[in-house]
Every structure is written in structure tokens, then in C-alpha cells.
């Protein structure tokens, strides 16, 4: 009976560590789940899924990004200890008038999330193409041991919105 109690304590402590690690890594708050779709059926445990989330850029009003990530099911996925794969797709769009709240650097992190207990995290970063006045977003996962070449890029041309003819220039908001 004492082994069972010890195992239960271990599982509880592990769950607390996973939740703390995941929440500490996020730069832009919690992403909004749009929907999930099962891809692999599992008996008695959660299915493998693809999940699509939305985030708003906290520095650039009027831009939202949607990303889709695979989520492992099975026992490891159920307990939050599965190392998730690095296949992540990204689409960012202007959904209203664009305005900048602050200056930013090329490659600033817009959102970050752990993809494994310790070794891997996904990041969405922002840049500016001053020549074309386009915001560029890139998602990638980094792995402590050997990295990951998998990535996705999305561009958001800064366009007029509504009757206003004023178009901000992203270059004006880059830090020197």
C-alpha cells in the first residue's frame, strides 16, 4: 500500500511541475483553443489530435495568429509527459486597423509554449520587413539537445483599414 501512495505522490508532483513549466513559458498569455480533431484512435486513453489555437499579438493591435499543433494521446499524453513533435503550422492575418503599442526588436517572442517536460519549446517570433512594410511571423521549436529545423512563416502586409488612409510603417517601431 505504501508503494501505491508513493506513486500517487510522485504523479501529483509531476503534474504540478508540468503545469508550472507550461504556464511560466508563455509570453502572450493563454492561447484560445479554436477546435481539436482526432487523428489516431486509442483504446482507453485519449486519442492523438490536431489542435488549432489563436493568439493576439500583444504589441501589434489588429493582428492575430492561428497555429495548429499535434497533441499526443495515450498514457503519456494523458499525464502531460509526452514529448510533442515539432510539426507546427502558422497563419497570421490583419483583422482590424493595425497600431503599434511599443517598439520591438527583430525576432521578439510573441508567444512561447513548452512541447515537452524539459527539453523542447515552441516559439512564435515577430519581425518587420521595412522595405515592403510587412510584419513577418515565424514559428519554430527549439530542443535543448539537437534543435529542430521544422518551422513555418506567415506574413502580414500592413494595409489601410476602413476609411482611414493612415498606414503605420513597421520600420518606425523597430528598436535601433
Foldseek 3Di string as FASTA:
>chain_A
DVVVVVVVVVLVVLLVLLVVQFQVQWDQDDWAWPDKDFDADDPPKDGWIKTKTKGDQPFKPQKMKIKIFIQHMDPCSRSQADQGDWAMEMEMEGRAAIDGNAAEAAFQWRTKGARHSPFKIKTKTWHADQVQQKIKIKITMAGNPPGDPDMYMYIYRFADGDPDRDTDRNVVRYDD
